[in-house]
Amino acid sequence: MNIQIFGTKKSFDTKKAQRYFKERRIGFQFIDLKEKGMSKGELQSVLRAVGGIDALVDPKAKDQDTVALISYLAESQKFDKLLENQQVLREPIVRNGRQATVGYAPDTWGGWE
């Protein structure tokens, strides 16, 4: 298993995800979205795994202007705007190869082991 956890250090759900994998002694790589965002390829891979941009955007994000803008853009423009503004992503994003989840999803992660 090659687990990657994308999130921020202050996110409560990101901390819970890290604790979930630590308790099971499963190694993971933590990527802080404030320091280093997701690459274009990583974001595309996660999008395919979770079923689209709407599953990735956090409707309660602090940057409500960007959330509103993304909801009104054409599908072709949404991806580029999301890539530029990763602060509106739901956290944590957990990847295991081609599989991915958004938010705290221990039921899904248990099936990865």
PDB file of N, CA and C in Angstrom:
ATOM      1  N   MET A   1       0.829  -1.185   0.000  1.00  0.00           N
ATOM      2  CA  MET A   1       0.000   0.000   0.000  1.00  0.00           C
ATOM      3  C   MET A   1       0.874   1.250   0.000  1.00  0.00           C
ATOM      4  N   ASN A   2       0.468   2.220  -0.815  1.00  0.00           N
ATOM      5  CA  ASN A   2       1.192   3.482  -0.897  1.00  0.00           C
ATOM      6  C   ASN A   2       0.201   4.603  -0.605  1.00  0.00           C
ATOM      7  N   ILE A   3       0.021   4.912   0.666  1.00  0.00           N
ATOM      8  CA  ILE A   3      -0.999   5.872   1.092  1.00  0.00           C
ATOM      9  C   ILE A   3      -0.436   7.293   1.077  1.00  0.00           C
ATOM     10  N   GLN A   4      -1.205   8.208   0.482  1.00  0.00           N
ATOM     11  CA  GLN A   4      -0.883   9.633   0.528  1.00  0.00           C
ATOM     12  C   GLN A   4      -2.081  10.343   1.141  1.00  0.00           C
ATOM     13  N   ILE A   5      -1.813  11.220   2.095  1.00  0.00           N
ATOM     14  CA  ILE A   5      -2.873  12.018   2.713  1.00  0.00           C
ATOM     15  C   ILE A   5      -2.610  13.481   2.379  1.00  0.00           C
ATOM     16  N   PHE A   6      -3.549  14.072   1.634  1.00  0.00           N
ATOM     17  CA  PHE A   6      -3.459  15.495   1.296  1.00  0.00           C
ATOM     18  C   PHE A   6      -4.393  16.245   2.229  1.00  0.00           C
ATOM     19  N   GLY A   7      -3.881  17.277   2.883  1.00  0.00           N
ATOM     20  CA  GLY A   7      -4.701  18.069   3.787  1.00  0.00           C
ATOM     21  C   GLY A   7      -3.870  19.187   4.381  1.00  0.00           C
ATOM     22  N   THR A   8      -4.408  19.788   5.434  1.00  0.00           N
ATOM     23  CA  THR A   8      -3.668  20.836   6.142  1.00  0.00           C
ATOM     24  C   THR A   8      -3.492  20.410   7.592  1.00  0.00           C
ATOM     25  N   LYS A   9      -2.483  20.972   8.230  1.00  0.00           N
ATOM     26  CA  LYS A   9      -2.161  20.587   9.602  1.00  0.00           C
ATOM     27  C   LYS A   9      -3.269  20.953  10.581  1.00  0.00           C
ATOM     28  N   LYS A  10      -4.066  21.961  10.262  1.00  0.00           N
ATOM     29  CA  LYS A  10      -5.117  22.404  11.175  1.00  0.00           C
ATOM     30  C   LYS A  10      -6.439  21.668  10.977  1.00  0.00           C
ATOM     31  N   SER A  11      -6.557  20.887   9.923  1.00  0.00           N
ATOM     32  CA  SER A  11      -7.810  20.196   9.631  1.00  0.00           C
ATOM     33  C   SER A  11      -8.032  19.032  10.597  1.00  0.00           C
ATOM     34  N   PHE A  12      -9.166  19.056  11.293  1.00  0.00           N
ATOM     35  CA  PHE A  12      -9.496  18.017  12.265  1.00  0.00           C
ATOM     36  C   PHE A  12      -9.621  16.651  11.577  1.00  0.00           C
ATOM     37  N   ASP A  13     -10.298  16.602  10.430  1.00  0.00           N
ATOM     38  CA  ASP A  13     -10.468  15.322   9.722  1.00  0.00           C
ATOM     39  C   ASP A  13      -9.146  14.792   9.182  1.00  0.00           C
ATOM     40  N   THR A  14      -8.240  15.670   8.798  1.00  0.00           N
ATOM     41  CA  THR A  14      -6.923  15.231   8.337  1.00  0.00           C
ATOM     42  C   THR A  14      -6.162  14.574   9.485  1.00  0.00           C
ATOM     43  N   LYS A  15      -6.242  15.175  10.672  1.00  0.00           N
ATOM     44  CA  LYS A  15      -5.585  14.592  11.852  1.00  0.00           C
ATOM     45  C   LYS A  15      -6.174  13.221  12.180  1.00  0.00           C
ATOM     46  N   LYS A  16      -7.508  13.101  12.055  1.00  0.00           N
ATOM     47  CA  LYS A  16      -8.159  11.817  12.320  1.00  0.00           C
ATOM     48  C   LYS A  16      -7.697  10.763  11.312  1.00  0.00           C
ATOM     49  N   ALA A  17      -7.538  11.147  10.054  1.00  0.00           N
ATOM     50  CA  ALA A  17      -7.074  10.204   9.033  1.00  0.00           C
ATOM     51  C   ALA A  17      -5.652   9.738   9.341  1.00  0.00           C
ATOM     52  N   GLN A  18      -4.785  10.667   9.735  1.00  0.00           N
ATOM     53  CA  GLN A  18      -3.415  10.290  10.083  1.00  0.00           C
ATOM     54  C   GLN A  18      -3.419   9.330  11.268  1.00  0.00           C
ATOM     55  N   ARG A  19      -4.243   9.611  12.263  1.00  0.00           N
ATOM     56  CA  ARG A  19      -4.322   8.745  13.432  1.00  0.00           C
ATOM     57  C   ARG A  19      -4.818   7.349  13.035  1.00  0.00           C
ATOM     58  N   TYR A  20      -5.800   7.274  12.125  1.00  0.00           N
ATOM     59  CA  TYR A  20      -6.342   5.998  11.663  1.00  0.00           C
ATOM     60  C   TYR A  20      -5.226   5.102  11.122  1.00  0.00           C
ATOM     61  N   PHE A  21      -4.371   5.663  10.255  1.00  0.00           N
ATOM     62  CA  PHE A  21      -3.303   4.864   9.646  1.00  0.00           C
ATOM     63  C   PHE A  21      -2.174   4.570  10.642  1.00  0.00           C
ATOM     64  N   LYS A  22      -1.877   5.516  11.537  1.00  0.00           N
ATOM     65  CA  LYS A  22      -0.842   5.279  12.552  1.00  0.00           C
ATOM     66  C   LYS A  22      -1.240   4.145  13.483  1.00  0.00           C
ATOM     67  N   GLU A  23      -2.505   4.135  13.914  1.00  0.00           N
ATOM     68  CA  GLU A  23      -2.979   3.099  14.831  1.00  0.00           C
ATOM     69  C   GLU A  23      -2.874   1.703  14.212  1.00  0.00           C
ATOM     70  N   ARG A  24      -2.964   1.619  12.898  1.00  0.00           N
ATOM     71  CA  ARG A  24      -2.890   0.332  12.201  1.00  0.00           C
ATOM     72  C   ARG A  24      -1.487   0.048  11.661  1.00  0.00           C
ATOM     73  N   ARG A  25      -0.553   0.896  12.046  1.00  0.00           N
ATOM     74  CA  ARG A  25       0.848   0.786  11.623  1.00  0.00           C
ATOM     75  C   ARG A  25       0.984   0.698  10.096  1.00  0.00           C
ATOM     76  N   ILE A  26       0.192   1.521   9.412  1.00  0.00           N
ATOM     77  CA  ILE A  26       0.260   1.613   7.958  1.00  0.00           C
ATOM     78  C   ILE A  26       1.001   2.898   7.625  1.00  0.00           C
ATOM     79  N   GLY A  27       2.094   2.776   6.886  1.00  0.00           N
ATOM     80  CA  GLY A  27       2.874   3.949   6.523  1.00  0.00           C
ATOM     81  C   GLY A  27       2.108   4.828   5.549  1.00  0.00           C
ATOM     82  N   PHE A  28       2.299   6.124   5.674  1.00  0.00           N
ATOM     83  CA  PHE A  28       1.658   7.067   4.758  1.00  0.00           C
ATOM     84  C   PHE A  28       2.546   8.278   4.569  1.00  0.00           C
ATOM     85  N   GLN A  29       2.256   9.005   3.501  1.00  0.00           N
ATOM     86  CA  GLN A  29       2.976  10.243   3.216  1.00  0.00           C
ATOM     87  C   GLN A  29       1.961  11.373   3.377  1.00  0.00           C
ATOM     88  N   PHE A  30       2.290  12.367   4.215  1.00  0.00           N
ATOM     89  CA  PHE A  30       1.409  13.511   4.407  1.00  0.00           C
ATOM     90  C   PHE A  30       1.880  14.657   3.534  1.00  0.00           C
ATOM     91  N   ILE A  31       0.969  15.208   2.747  1.00  0.00           N
ATOM     92  CA  ILE A  31       1.281  16.356   1.899  1.00  0.00           C
ATOM     93  C   ILE A  31       0.415  17.520   2.363  1.00  0.00           C
ATOM     94  N   ASP A  32       1.064  18.568   2.862  1.00  0.00           N
ATOM     95  CA  ASP A  32       0.356  19.754   3.343  1.00  0.00           C
ATOM     96  C   ASP A  32      -0.035  20.611   2.135  1.00  0.00           C
ATOM     97  N   LEU A  33      -1.334  20.774   1.934  1.00  0.00           N
ATOM     98  CA  LEU A  33      -1.816  21.527   0.775  1.00  0.00           C
ATOM     99  C   LEU A  33      -1.450  23.007   0.844  1.00  0.00           C
ATOM    100  N   LYS A  34      -1.134  23.511   2.045  1.00  0.00           N
ATOM    101  CA  LYS A  34      -0.727  24.920   2.143  1.00  0.00           C
ATOM    102  C   LYS A  34       0.705  25.106   1.658  1.00  0.00           C
ATOM    103  N   GLU A  35       1.552  24.092   1.861  1.00  0.00           N
ATOM    104  CA  GLU A  35       2.953  24.187   1.447  1.00  0.00           C
ATOM    105  C   GLU A  35       3.151  23.724   0.009  1.00  0.00           C
ATOM    106  N   LYS A  36       2.538  22.613  -0.330  1.00  0.00           N
ATOM    107  CA  LYS A  36       2.725  22.026  -1.653  1.00  0.00           C
ATOM    108  C   LYS A  36       1.392  21.457  -2.106  1.00  0.00           C
ATOM    109  N   GLY A  37       0.803  22.062  -3.095  1.00  0.00           N
ATOM    110  CA  GLY A  37      -0.497  21.601  -3.573  1.00  0.00           C
ATOM    111  C   GLY A  37      -0.397  20.332  -4.396  1.00  0.00           C
ATOM    112  N   MET A  38      -1.529  19.852  -4.838  1.00  0.00           N
ATOM    113  CA  MET A  38      -1.563  18.663  -5.688  1.00  0.00           C
ATOM    114  C   MET A  38      -1.134  19.047  -7.097  1.00  0.00           C
ATOM    115  N   SER A  39      -0.450  18.122  -7.753  1.00  0.00           N
ATOM    116  CA  SER A  39      -0.076  18.361  -9.144  1.00  0.00           C
ATOM    117  C   SER A  39      -1.298  18.123 -10.029  1.00  0.00           C
ATOM    118  N   LYS A  40      -1.196  18.530 -11.286  1.00  0.00           N
ATOM    119  CA  LYS A  40      -2.306  18.354 -12.225  1.00  0.00           C
ATOM    120  C   LYS A  40      -2.671  16.876 -12.360  1.00  0.00           C
ATOM    121  N   GLY A  41      -1.667  16.017 -12.478  1.00  0.00           N
ATOM    122  CA  GLY A  41      -1.903  14.583 -12.619  1.00  0.00           C
ATOM    123  C   GLY A  41      -2.536  13.972 -11.385  1.00  0.00           C
ATOM    124  N   GLU A  42      -2.078  14.390 -10.203  1.00  0.00           N
ATOM    125  CA  GLU A  42      -2.651  13.880  -8.949  1.00  0.00           C
ATOM    126  C   GLU A  42      -4.126  14.271  -8.836  1.00  0.00           C
ATOM    127  N   LEU A  43      -4.417  15.522  -9.156  1.00  0.00           N
ATOM    128  CA  LEU A  43      -5.793  16.004  -9.061  1.00  0.00           C
ATOM    129  C   LEU A  43      -6.697  15.274 -10.055  1.00  0.00           C
ATOM    130  N   GLN A  44      -6.201  15.036 -11.275  1.00  0.00           N
ATOM    131  CA  GLN A  44      -6.993  14.295 -12.264  1.00  0.00           C
ATOM    132  C   GLN A  44      -7.262  12.872 -11.791  1.00  0.00           C
ATOM    133  N   SER A  45      -6.258  12.232 -11.216  1.00  0.00           N
ATOM    134  CA  SER A  45      -6.406  10.873 -10.721  1.00  0.00           C
ATOM    135  C   SER A  45      -7.464  10.805  -9.619  1.00  0.00           C
ATOM    136  N   VAL A  46      -7.429  11.760  -8.691  1.00  0.00           N
ATOM    137  CA  VAL A  46      -8.398  11.801  -7.601  1.00  0.00           C
ATOM    138  C   VAL A  46      -9.803  12.071  -8.157  1.00  0.00           C
ATOM    139  N   LEU A  47      -9.895  12.974  -9.117  1.00  0.00           N
ATOM    140  CA  LEU A  47     -11.195  13.284  -9.731  1.00  0.00           C
ATOM    141  C   LEU A  47     -11.838  12.039 -10.324  1.00  0.00           C
ATOM    142  N   ARG A  48     -11.048  11.247 -11.048  1.00  0.00           N
ATOM    143  CA  ARG A  48     -11.565  10.008 -11.644  1.00  0.00           C
ATOM    144  C   ARG A  48     -12.024   9.034 -10.556  1.00  0.00           C
ATOM    145  N   ALA A  49     -11.285   8.968  -9.466  1.00  0.00           N
ATOM    146  CA  ALA A  49     -11.595   8.008  -8.404  1.00  0.00           C
ATOM    147  C   ALA A  49     -12.838   8.390  -7.600  1.00  0.00           C
ATOM    148  N   VAL A  50     -13.065   9.686  -7.393  1.00  0.00           N
ATOM    149  CA  VAL A  50     -14.178  10.105  -6.531  1.00  0.00           C
ATOM    150  C   VAL A  50     -15.419  10.521  -7.308  1.00  0.00           C
ATOM    151  N   GLY A  51     -15.314  10.619  -8.618  1.00  0.00           N
ATOM    152  CA  GLY A  51     -16.507  10.876  -9.417  1.00  0.00           C
ATOM    153  C   GLY A  51     -16.803  12.328  -9.734  1.00  0.00           C
ATOM    154  N   GLY A  52     -15.776  13.146  -9.859  1.00  0.00           N
ATOM    155  CA  GLY A  52     -16.010  14.502 -10.350  1.00  0.00           C
ATOM    156  C   GLY A  52     -15.657  15.616  -9.382  1.00  0.00           C
ATOM    157  N   ILE A  53     -15.701  16.807  -9.915  1.00  0.00           N
ATOM    158  CA  ILE A  53     -15.281  18.007  -9.190  1.00  0.00           C
ATOM    159  C   ILE A  53     -16.206  18.317  -8.016  1.00  0.00           C
ATOM    160  N   ASP A  54     -17.496  18.088  -8.190  1.00  0.00           N
ATOM    161  CA  ASP A  54     -18.454  18.431  -7.124  1.00  0.00           C
ATOM    162  C   ASP A  54     -18.167  17.665  -5.839  1.00  0.00           C
ATOM    163  N   ALA A  55     -17.628  16.447  -5.946  1.00  0.00           N
ATOM    164  CA  ALA A  55     -17.296  15.665  -4.756  1.00  0.00           C
ATOM    165  C   ALA A  55     -16.071  16.230  -4.041  1.00  0.00           C
ATOM    166  N   LEU A  56     -15.238  16.967  -4.779  1.00  0.00           N
ATOM    167  CA  LEU A  56     -13.994  17.499  -4.216  1.00  0.00           C
ATOM    168  C   LEU A  56     -14.149  18.874  -3.568  1.00  0.00           C
ATOM    169  N   VAL A  57     -15.087  19.666  -4.024  1.00  0.00           N
ATOM    170  CA  VAL A  57     -15.221  21.037  -3.527  1.00  0.00           C
ATOM    171  C   VAL A  57     -15.958  21.030  -2.193  1.00  0.00           C
ATOM    172  N   ASP A  58     -15.372  21.704  -1.214  1.00  0.00           N
ATOM    173  CA  ASP A  58     -15.970  21.811   0.120  1.00  0.00           C
ATOM    174  C   ASP A  58     -16.941  22.991   0.135  1.00  0.00           C
ATOM    175  N   PRO A  59     -18.246  22.725   0.261  1.00  0.00           N
ATOM    176  CA  PRO A  59     -19.196  23.842   0.251  1.00  0.00           C
ATOM    177  C   PRO A  59     -19.051  24.772   1.461  1.00  0.00           C
ATOM    178  N   LYS A  60     -18.346  24.308   2.510  1.00  0.00           N
ATOM    179  CA  LYS A  60     -18.157  25.132   3.713  1.00  0.00           C
ATOM    180  C   LYS A  60     -16.776  25.776   3.760  1.00  0.00           C
ATOM    181  N   ALA A  61     -16.053  25.772   2.653  1.00  0.00           N
ATOM    182  CA  ALA A  61     -14.704  26.354   2.629  1.00  0.00           C
ATOM    183  C   ALA A  61     -14.765  27.843   2.972  1.00  0.00           C
ATOM    184  N   LYS A  62     -13.672  28.354   3.554  1.00  0.00           N
ATOM    185  CA  LYS A  62     -13.634  29.763   3.947  1.00  0.00           C
ATOM    186  C   LYS A  62     -13.762  30.685   2.741  1.00  0.00           C
ATOM    187  N   ASP A  63     -13.173  30.280   1.611  1.00  0.00           N
ATOM    188  CA  ASP A  63     -13.190  31.110   0.403  1.00  0.00           C
ATOM    189  C   ASP A  63     -14.486  30.867  -0.371  1.00  0.00           C
ATOM    190  N   GLN A  64     -15.588  31.421   0.136  1.00  0.00           N
ATOM    191  CA  GLN A  64     -16.900  31.203  -0.469  1.00  0.00           C
ATOM    192  C   GLN A  64     -17.009  31.777  -1.879  1.00  0.00           C
ATOM    193  N   ASP A  65     -16.256  32.843  -2.161  1.00  0.00           N
ATOM    194  CA  ASP A  65     -16.293  33.437  -3.500  1.00  0.00           C
ATOM    195  C   ASP A  65     -15.808  32.436  -4.540  1.00  0.00           C
ATOM    196  N   THR A  66     -14.715  31.742  -4.236  1.00  0.00           N
ATOM    197  CA  THR A  66     -14.168  30.762  -5.172  1.00  0.00           C
ATOM    198  C   THR A  66     -15.108  29.567  -5.313  1.00  0.00           C
ATOM    199  N   VAL A  67     -15.707  29.125  -4.200  1.00  0.00           N
ATOM    200  CA  VAL A  67     -16.657  28.009  -4.244  1.00  0.00           C
ATOM    201  C   VAL A  67     -17.821  28.365  -5.171  1.00  0.00           C
ATOM    202  N   ALA A  68     -18.346  29.579  -5.026  1.00  0.00           N
ATOM    203  CA  ALA A  68     -19.456  30.025  -5.873  1.00  0.00           C
ATOM    204  C   ALA A  68     -19.024  30.114  -7.334  1.00  0.00           C
ATOM    205  N   LEU A  69     -17.842  30.653  -7.571  1.00  0.00           N
ATOM    206  CA  LEU A  69     -17.343  30.790  -8.937  1.00  0.00           C
ATOM    207  C   LEU A  69     -17.201  29.426  -9.608  1.00  0.00           C
ATOM    208  N   ILE A  70     -16.635  28.459  -8.898  1.00  0.00           N
ATOM    209  CA  ILE A  70     -16.448  27.123  -9.463  1.00  0.00           C
ATOM    210  C   ILE A  70     -17.795  26.496  -9.815  1.00  0.00           C
ATOM    211  N   SER A  71     -18.802  26.737  -8.996  1.00  0.00           N
ATOM    212  CA  SER A  71     -20.112  26.132  -9.261  1.00  0.00           C
ATOM    213  C   SER A  71     -20.762  26.712 -10.521  1.00  0.00           C
ATOM    214  N   TYR A  72     -20.388  27.923 -10.911  1.00  0.00           N
ATOM    215  CA  TYR A  72     -20.999  28.547 -12.085  1.00  0.00           C
ATOM    216  C   TYR A  72     -20.171  28.422 -13.359  1.00  0.00           C
ATOM    217  N   LEU A  73     -18.942  27.948 -13.247  1.00  0.00           N
ATOM    218  CA  LEU A  73     -18.090  27.828 -14.435  1.00  0.00           C
ATOM    219  C   LEU A  73     -18.516  26.644 -15.296  1.00  0.00           C
ATOM    220  N   ALA A  74     -18.116  26.696 -16.564  1.00  0.00           N
ATOM    221  CA  ALA A  74     -18.328  25.557 -17.467  1.00  0.00           C
ATOM    222  C   ALA A  74     -17.424  24.412 -17.005  1.00  0.00           C
ATOM    223  N   GLU A  75     -17.828  23.177 -17.285  1.00  0.00           N
ATOM    224  CA  GLU A  75     -17.071  21.997 -16.846  1.00  0.00           C
ATOM    225  C   GLU A  75     -15.601  22.085 -17.238  1.00  0.00           C
ATOM    226  N   SER A  76     -15.329  22.581 -18.441  1.00  0.00           N
ATOM    227  CA  SER A  76     -13.953  22.643 -18.931  1.00  0.00           C
ATOM    228  C   SER A  76     -13.097  23.618 -18.123  1.00  0.00           C
ATOM    229  N   GLN A  77     -13.724  24.613 -17.486  1.00  0.00           N
ATOM    230  CA  GLN A  77     -12.982  25.620 -16.733  1.00  0.00           C
ATOM    231  C   GLN A  77     -12.863  25.279 -15.249  1.00  0.00           C
ATOM    232  N   LYS A  78     -13.737  24.418 -14.750  1.00  0.00           N
ATOM    233  CA  LYS A  78     -13.754  24.103 -13.322  1.00  0.00           C
ATOM    234  C   LYS A  78     -12.435  23.486 -12.856  1.00  0.00           C
ATOM    235  N   PHE A  79     -11.886  22.560 -13.657  1.00  0.00           N
ATOM    236  CA  PHE A  79     -10.664  21.869 -13.252  1.00  0.00           C
ATOM    237  C   PHE A  79      -9.515  22.850 -13.062  1.00  0.00           C
ATOM    238  N   ASP A  80      -9.326  23.746 -14.027  1.00  0.00           N
ATOM    239  CA  ASP A  80      -8.220  24.712 -13.935  1.00  0.00           C
ATOM    240  C   ASP A  80      -8.383  25.626 -12.727  1.00  0.00           C
ATOM    241  N   LYS A  81      -9.616  26.055 -12.445  1.00  0.00           N
ATOM    242  CA  LYS A  81      -9.864  26.945 -11.302  1.00  0.00           C
ATOM    243  C   LYS A  81      -9.610  26.197  -9.994  1.00  0.00           C
ATOM    244  N   LEU A  82      -9.981  24.913  -9.952  1.00  0.00           N
ATOM    245  CA  LEU A  82      -9.748  24.104  -8.755  1.00  0.00           C
ATOM    246  C   LEU A  82      -8.256  23.874  -8.542  1.00  0.00           C
ATOM    247  N   LEU A  83      -7.521  23.667  -9.626  1.00  0.00           N
ATOM    248  CA  LEU A  83      -6.071  23.474  -9.543  1.00  0.00           C
ATOM    249  C   LEU A  83      -5.393  24.733  -8.991  1.00  0.00           C
ATOM    250  N   GLU A  84      -5.882  25.904  -9.371  1.00  0.00           N
ATOM    251  CA  GLU A  84      -5.328  27.176  -8.886  1.00  0.00           C
ATOM    252  C   GLU A  84      -5.716  27.458  -7.431  1.00  0.00           C
ATOM    253  N   ASN A  85      -6.892  27.011  -7.013  1.00  0.00           N
ATOM    254  CA  ASN A  85      -7.451  27.356  -5.701  1.00  0.00           C
ATOM    255  C   ASN A  85      -7.713  26.112  -4.864  1.00  0.00           C
ATOM    256  N   GLN A  86      -6.646  25.450  -4.437  1.00  0.00           N
ATOM    257  CA  GLN A  86      -6.801  24.188  -3.731  1.00  0.00           C
ATOM    258  C   GLN A  86      -7.262  24.363  -2.287  1.00  0.00           C
ATOM    259  N   GLN A  87      -7.395  25.603  -1.831  1.00  0.00           N
ATOM    260  CA  GLN A  87      -7.888  25.836  -0.478  1.00  0.00           C
ATOM    261  C   GLN A  87      -9.375  25.504  -0.355  1.00  0.00           C
ATOM    262  N   VAL A  88     -10.071  25.273  -1.467  1.00  0.00           N
ATOM    263  CA  VAL A  88     -11.497  24.935  -1.404  1.00  0.00           C
ATOM    264  C   VAL A  88     -11.740  23.425  -1.507  1.00  0.00           C
ATOM    265  N   LEU A  89     -10.688  22.624  -1.493  1.00  0.00           N
ATOM    266  CA  LEU A  89     -10.842  21.170  -1.536  1.00  0.00           C
ATOM    267  C   LEU A  89     -11.321  20.639  -0.190  1.00  0.00           C
ATOM    268  N   ARG A  90     -12.170  19.606  -0.224  1.00  0.00           N
ATOM    269  CA  ARG A  90     -12.555  18.926   1.020  1.00  0.00           C
ATOM    270  C   ARG A  90     -11.357  18.151   1.517  1.00  0.00           C
ATOM    271  N   GLU A  91     -11.190  18.122   2.826  1.00  0.00           N
ATOM    272  CA  GLU A  91     -10.035  17.428   3.397  1.00  0.00           C
ATOM    273  C   GLU A  91     -10.496  16.296   4.295  1.00  0.00           C
ATOM    274  N   PRO A  92      -9.691  15.293   4.479  1.00  0.00           N
ATOM    275  CA  PRO A  92      -8.470  14.985   3.729  1.00  0.00           C
ATOM    276  C   PRO A  92      -8.798  14.268   2.428  1.00  0.00           C
ATOM    277  N   ILE A  93      -7.863  14.347   1.503  1.00  0.00           N
ATOM    278  CA  ILE A  93      -7.928  13.529   0.293  1.00  0.00           C
ATOM    279  C   ILE A  93      -6.912  12.418   0.519  1.00  0.00           C
ATOM    280  N   VAL A  94      -7.378  11.188   0.512  1.00  0.00           N
ATOM    281  CA  VAL A  94      -6.503  10.044   0.781  1.00  0.00           C
ATOM    282  C   VAL A  94      -6.415   9.207  -0.481  1.00  0.00           C
ATOM    283  N   ARG A  95      -5.178   8.982  -0.938  1.00  0.00           N
ATOM    284  CA  ARG A  95      -4.952   8.201  -2.157  1.00  0.00           C
ATOM    285  C   ARG A  95      -4.216   6.918  -1.836  1.00  0.00           C
ATOM    286  N   ASN A  96      -4.588   5.874  -2.566  1.00  0.00           N
ATOM    287  CA  ASN A  96      -3.876   4.601  -2.517  1.00  0.00           C
ATOM    288  C   ASN A  96      -3.820   4.104  -3.952  1.00  0.00           C
ATOM    289  N   GLY A  97      -2.761   4.461  -4.668  1.00  0.00           N
ATOM    290  CA  GLY A  97      -2.674   4.110  -6.089  1.00  0.00           C
ATOM    291  C   GLY A  97      -3.758   4.843  -6.852  1.00  0.00           C
ATOM    292  N   ARG A  98      -4.614   4.064  -7.535  1.00  0.00           N
ATOM    293  CA  ARG A  98      -5.694   4.685  -8.306  1.00  0.00           C
ATOM    294  C   ARG A  98      -6.951   4.910  -7.486  1.00  0.00           C
ATOM    295  N   GLN A  99      -6.983   4.400  -6.276  1.00  0.00           N
ATOM    296  CA  GLN A  99      -8.138   4.593  -5.409  1.00  0.00           C
ATOM    297  C   GLN A  99      -7.957   5.886  -4.626  1.00  0.00           C
ATOM    298  N   ALA A 100      -9.071   6.531  -4.312  1.00  0.00           N
ATOM    299  CA  ALA A 100      -8.996   7.765  -3.526  1.00  0.00           C
ATOM    300  C   ALA A 100     -10.320   8.002  -2.814  1.00  0.00           C
ATOM    301  N   THR A 101     -10.227   8.723  -1.689  1.00  0.00           N
ATOM    302  CA  THR A 101     -11.421   9.150  -0.963  1.00  0.00           C
ATOM    303  C   THR A 101     -11.279  10.621  -0.620  1.00  0.00           C
ATOM    304  N   VAL A 102     -12.416  11.260  -0.396  1.00  0.00           N
ATOM    305  CA  VAL A 102     -12.441  12.655   0.035  1.00  0.00           C
ATOM    306  C   VAL A 102     -13.195  12.695   1.352  1.00  0.00           C
ATOM    307  N   GLY A 103     -12.601  13.342   2.338  1.00  0.00           N
ATOM    308  CA  GLY A 103     -13.211  13.374   3.659  1.00  0.00           C
ATOM    309  C   GLY A 103     -12.760  12.175   4.480  1.00  0.00           C
ATOM    310  N   TYR A 104     -13.248  12.103   5.702  1.00  0.00           N
ATOM    311  CA  TYR A 104     -12.870  11.018   6.608  1.00  0.00           C
ATOM    312  C   TYR A 104     -13.697   9.786   6.247  1.00  0.00           C
ATOM    313  N   ALA A 105     -13.057   8.735   5.724  1.00  0.00           N
ATOM    314  CA  ALA A 105     -13.762   7.554   5.218  1.00  0.00           C
ATOM    315  C   ALA A 105     -13.110   6.247   5.657  1.00  0.00           C
ATOM    316  N   PRO A 106     -13.101   5.959   6.966  1.00  0.00           N
ATOM    317  CA  PRO A 106     -12.418   4.747   7.448  1.00  0.00           C
ATOM    318  C   PRO A 106     -13.037   3.446   6.913  1.00  0.00           C
ATOM    319  N   ASP A 107     -14.329   3.446   6.594  1.00  0.00           N
ATOM    320  CA  ASP A 107     -14.961   2.240   6.055  1.00  0.00           C
ATOM    321  C   ASP A 107     -14.335   1.851   4.728  1.00  0.00           C
ATOM    322  N   THR A 108     -14.044   2.818   3.897  1.00  0.00           N
ATOM    323  CA  THR A 108     -13.405   2.556   2.608  1.00  0.00           C
ATOM    324  C   THR A 108     -11.951   2.157   2.802  1.00  0.00           C
ATOM    325  N   TRP A 109     -11.251   2.847   3.676  1.00  0.00           N
ATOM    326  CA  TRP A 109      -9.826   2.557   3.889  1.00  0.00           C
ATOM    327  C   TRP A 109      -9.606   1.148   4.408  1.00  0.00           C
ATOM    328  N   GLY A 110     -10.540   0.643   5.211  1.00  0.00           N
ATOM    329  CA  GLY A 110     -10.425  -0.711   5.741  1.00  0.00           C
ATOM    330  C   GLY A 110     -10.381  -1.749   4.640  1.00  0.00           C
ATOM    331  N   GLY A 111     -11.035  -1.487   3.527  1.00  0.00           N
ATOM    332  CA  GLY A 111     -11.029  -2.398   2.388  1.00  0.00           C
ATOM    333  C   GLY A 111      -9.745  -2.367   1.590  1.00  0.00           C
ATOM    334  N   TRP A 112      -8.919  -1.356   1.828  1.00  0.00           N
ATOM    335  CA  TRP A 112      -7.652  -1.236   1.096  1.00  0.00           C
ATOM    336  C   TRP A 112      -6.581  -2.150   1.663  1.00  0.00           C
ATOM    337  N   GLU A 113      -6.723  -2.547   2.917  1.00  0.00           N
ATOM    338  CA  GLU A 113      -5.652  -3.288   3.596  1.00  0.00           C
ATOM    339  C   GLU A 113      -5.474  -4.672   3.003  1.00  0.00           C
TER     340      GLU A 113
END
